[in-house]
């Protein structure tokens, strides 16, 4: 039994029953092992959930730094984030109700977002704020869609997300055009 096998089975259980449906005993039964053997790989249930959340986030396909326009890269990143969240809604809901899981700012998703924002011309002093706001806006859409608060099926959600992306790109364009180099949008 490997850590990857443990995480894969834990993810499946969490996708089926949510994080609250994951117990070390249930996972051990799924793996046909003694529950205590799991503790050789992870310190406990909360650590395992955190590890599974990280592994799910690592599955978001990131746009490469291949010279594509930043607008396309931003849209690709946001859409990949949405699709991953739709594939694992209980995981993403859990992640965003446990801020300690996302306070690490050096994740591949955040690094890619920051890289794209630099390409867009966002001034360095304004980068963190812009990244945080964009992340919050896309996450809000993802959670709203996952909870069924948007009308229509998947096609309508995709159209709504397309509208959200156009608004985000327009906003980033406007922000980067208004900022003198080295100054934030609020003049500091």
Protein backbone atom coordinates (compact mmCIF):
# COMPACT_ATOMS: atom_id res chain seq x y z
CA UNK A 1 0.00 0.00 0.00
CA UNK A 2 1.40 3.37 -1.05
CA UNK A 3 0.50 6.90 -0.09
CA UNK A 4 -0.88 7.42 -3.61
CA UNK A 5 -3.20 4.42 -3.17
CA UNK A 6 -4.35 5.79 0.16
CA UNK A 7 -5.01 9.23 -1.33
CA UNK A 8 -6.81 7.83 -4.38
CA UNK A 9 -9.14 5.74 -2.23
CA UNK A 10 -9.67 8.59 0.22
CA UNK A 11 -10.54 10.89 -2.69
CA UNK A 12 -13.06 8.40 -4.03
CA UNK A 13 -14.68 8.09 -0.60
CA UNK A 14 -14.73 11.87 -0.20
CA UNK A 15 -16.24 12.34 -3.67
CA UNK A 16 -18.98 9.86 -2.71
CA UNK A 17 -19.76 10.96 0.83
CA UNK A 18 -17.90 14.22 1.40
CA UNK A 19 -15.05 14.70 3.85
CA UNK A 20 -17.38 13.92 6.74
CA UNK A 21 -17.87 10.44 5.22
CA UNK A 22 -14.17 9.65 5.42
CA UNK A 23 -12.92 7.77 8.43
CA UNK A 24 -9.65 5.95 8.85
CA UNK A 25 -11.58 2.74 9.61
CA UNK A 26 -13.69 3.01 6.48
CA UNK A 27 -10.64 3.77 4.36
CA UNK A 28 -8.76 0.82 5.87
CA UNK A 29 -11.71 -1.46 5.10
CA UNK A 30 -11.69 -0.23 1.48
CA UNK A 31 -7.97 -1.00 1.26
CA UNK A 32 -8.31 -4.30 3.16
CA UNK A 33 -5.70 -3.26 5.71
CA UNK A 34 -5.55 -2.74 9.44
CA UNK A 35 -6.60 0.86 10.28
CA UNK A 36 -3.41 1.37 12.28
CA UNK A 37 -1.29 0.75 9.17
CA UNK A 38 -2.63 4.01 7.66
CA UNK A 39 -0.91 5.94 10.43
CA UNK A 40 2.46 4.83 9.05
CA UNK A 41 1.70 7.07 6.05
CA UNK A 42 -0.29 9.96 7.54
CA UNK A 43 -0.57 11.30 11.11
CA UNK A 44 -4.38 11.30 11.08
CA UNK A 45 -7.65 11.97 9.30
CA UNK A 46 -7.27 15.77 9.07
CA UNK A 47 -3.77 15.45 7.64
CA UNK A 48 -5.08 12.94 5.10
CA UNK A 49 -7.92 15.26 4.08
CA UNK A 50 -5.43 18.11 3.65
CA UNK A 51 -3.19 15.89 1.53
CA UNK A 52 -6.12 14.80 -0.65
CA UNK A 53 -7.16 18.44 -1.11
CA UNK A 54 -3.61 19.30 -2.22
CA UNK A 55 -3.54 16.40 -4.66
CA UNK A 56 -6.88 17.49 -6.18
CA UNK A 57 -5.55 21.04 -6.60
CA UNK A 58 -2.41 19.64 -8.27
CA UNK A 59 -4.65 18.05 -10.92
CA UNK A 60 -5.73 21.43 -12.27
CA UNK A 61 -4.12 21.62 -15.72
CA UNK A 62 -2.15 24.85 -15.79
CA UNK A 63 -1.67 26.91 -18.95
CA UNK A 64 1.94 26.77 -20.11
CA UNK A 65 4.12 29.82 -20.43
CA UNK A 66 4.13 29.44 -24.20
CA UNK A 67 3.65 33.01 -25.42
CA UNK A 68 -0.13 32.75 -25.70
CA UNK A 69 -1.96 36.01 -24.92
CA UNK A 70 -2.45 36.53 -21.20
CA UNK A 71 -6.21 36.77 -21.76
CA UNK A 72 -6.25 33.23 -23.15
CA UNK A 73 -4.03 31.96 -20.35
CA UNK A 74 -6.25 33.57 -17.69
CA UNK A 75 -9.37 32.07 -19.25
CA UNK A 76 -7.70 28.65 -19.56
CA UNK A 77 -6.62 28.71 -15.91
CA UNK A 78 -10.05 29.80 -14.67
CA UNK A 79 -11.83 27.18 -16.77
CA UNK A 80 -9.48 24.42 -15.59
CA UNK A 81 -10.16 25.50 -11.99
CA UNK A 82 -13.92 25.36 -12.62
CA UNK A 83 -13.75 21.92 -14.27
CA UNK A 84 -11.65 20.49 -11.44
CA UNK A 85 -14.07 21.89 -8.87
CA UNK A 86 -17.01 20.42 -10.77
CA UNK A 87 -15.30 17.03 -10.78
CA UNK A 88 -14.73 17.18 -7.00
CA UNK A 89 -17.36 19.55 -5.55
CA UNK A 90 -17.22 18.30 -1.97
CA UNK A 91 -13.43 18.67 -1.92
CA UNK A 92 -13.55 22.25 -3.21
CA UNK A 93 -16.31 23.16 -0.81
CA UNK A 94 -14.22 21.76 2.04
CA UNK A 95 -11.09 23.57 0.88
CA UNK A 96 -12.88 26.90 0.88
CA UNK A 97 -14.37 26.44 4.32
CA UNK A 98 -10.96 25.62 5.78
CA UNK A 99 -8.75 28.65 5.11
CA UNK A 100 -5.70 26.96 6.61
CA UNK A 101 -5.63 24.70 3.53
CA UNK A 102 -5.25 27.61 1.11
CA UNK A 103 -3.18 30.09 3.06
CA UNK A 104 -0.03 28.73 1.40
CA UNK A 105 0.43 31.19 -1.44
CA UNK A 106 3.09 29.26 -3.32
CA UNK A 107 0.76 26.72 -4.91
CA UNK A 108 1.15 26.00 -8.63
CA UNK A 109 -2.27 27.56 -9.27
CA UNK A 110 -1.31 30.82 -7.52
CA UNK A 111 2.13 30.91 -9.15
CA UNK A 112 0.51 30.54 -12.57
CA UNK A 113 -2.10 33.21 -11.81
CA UNK A 114 0.62 35.62 -10.68
CA UNK A 115 2.65 34.89 -13.83
CA UNK A 116 -0.38 35.60 -16.04
CA UNK A 117 -1.17 38.82 -14.16
CA UNK A 118 2.41 40.01 -14.67
CA UNK A 119 1.97 39.34 -18.40
CA UNK A 120 -1.21 41.43 -18.24
CA UNK A 121 0.81 44.35 -16.89
CA UNK A 122 -0.43 44.31 -13.30
CA UNK A 123 2.08 46.29 -11.26
CA UNK A 124 4.07 44.26 -8.73
CA UNK A 125 2.75 46.21 -5.70
CA UNK A 126 -0.80 45.41 -6.83
CA UNK A 127 -0.16 41.77 -7.78
CA UNK A 128 -1.13 40.08 -4.51
CA UNK A 129 -4.34 42.07 -4.13
CA UNK A 130 -5.36 41.44 -7.75
CA UNK A 131 -4.56 37.74 -7.44
CA UNK A 132 -6.56 37.45 -4.21
CA UNK A 133 -9.57 39.26 -5.68
CA UNK A 134 -9.57 37.20 -8.90
CA UNK A 135 -9.23 34.00 -6.90
CA UNK A 136 -12.15 35.03 -4.68
CA UNK A 137 -14.34 35.95 -7.65
CA UNK A 138 -13.72 32.70 -9.51
CA UNK A 139 -14.09 30.68 -6.31
CA UNK A 140 -17.39 32.43 -5.61
CA UNK A 141 -18.66 31.45 -9.04
CA UNK A 142 -17.46 27.86 -8.55
CA UNK A 143 -19.18 27.53 -5.17
CA UNK A 144 -22.36 29.18 -6.45
CA UNK A 145 -22.48 26.78 -9.40
CA UNK A 146 -21.69 23.73 -7.22
CA UNK A 147 -24.51 24.59 -4.83
CA UNK A 148 -27.00 24.83 -7.68
CA UNK A 149 -27.62 28.57 -7.36
CA UNK A 150 -27.26 29.20 -11.11
CA UNK A 151 -30.24 28.45 -13.35
CA UNK A 152 -30.03 25.93 -16.17
CA UNK A 153 -27.78 23.01 -16.83
CA UNK A 154 -24.10 22.73 -17.64
CA UNK A 155 -24.44 24.60 -20.95
CA UNK A 156 -25.97 27.60 -19.17
CA UNK A 157 -23.31 27.49 -16.44
CA UNK A 158 -20.63 27.46 -19.16
CA UNK A 159 -22.22 30.52 -20.81
CA UNK A 160 -22.42 32.29 -17.45
CA UNK A 161 -18.79 31.46 -16.78
CA UNK A 162 -17.86 32.82 -20.21
CA UNK A 163 -19.55 36.10 -19.23
CA UNK A 164 -17.66 36.10 -15.92
CA UNK A 165 -14.37 35.54 -17.75
CA UNK A 166 -15.02 38.42 -20.15
CA UNK A 167 -15.75 40.67 -17.17
CA UNK A 168 -12.58 39.53 -15.39
CA UNK A 169 -10.38 40.05 -18.46
CA UNK A 170 -11.90 43.50 -19.01
CA UNK A 171 -11.30 44.38 -15.38
CA UNK A 172 -7.67 43.25 -15.43
CA UNK A 173 -7.14 45.12 -18.71
CA UNK A 174 -8.58 48.29 -17.21
CA UNK A 175 -6.56 47.92 -14.03
CA UNK A 176 -3.27 47.42 -15.82
CA UNK A 177 -3.94 50.35 -18.19
CA UNK A 178 -4.78 52.80 -15.38
CA UNK A 179 -1.85 52.03 -13.09
CA UNK A 180 1.32 54.03 -13.36
CA UNK A 181 4.27 51.65 -12.90
CA UNK A 182 5.05 51.05 -9.23
CA UNK A 183 1.74 52.41 -7.92
CA UNK A 184 -1.31 50.52 -6.76
CA UNK A 185 -4.81 51.25 -8.02
CA UNK A 186 -5.62 53.15 -4.80
CA UNK A 187 -2.66 55.54 -5.34
CA UNK A 188 -0.23 54.04 -2.82
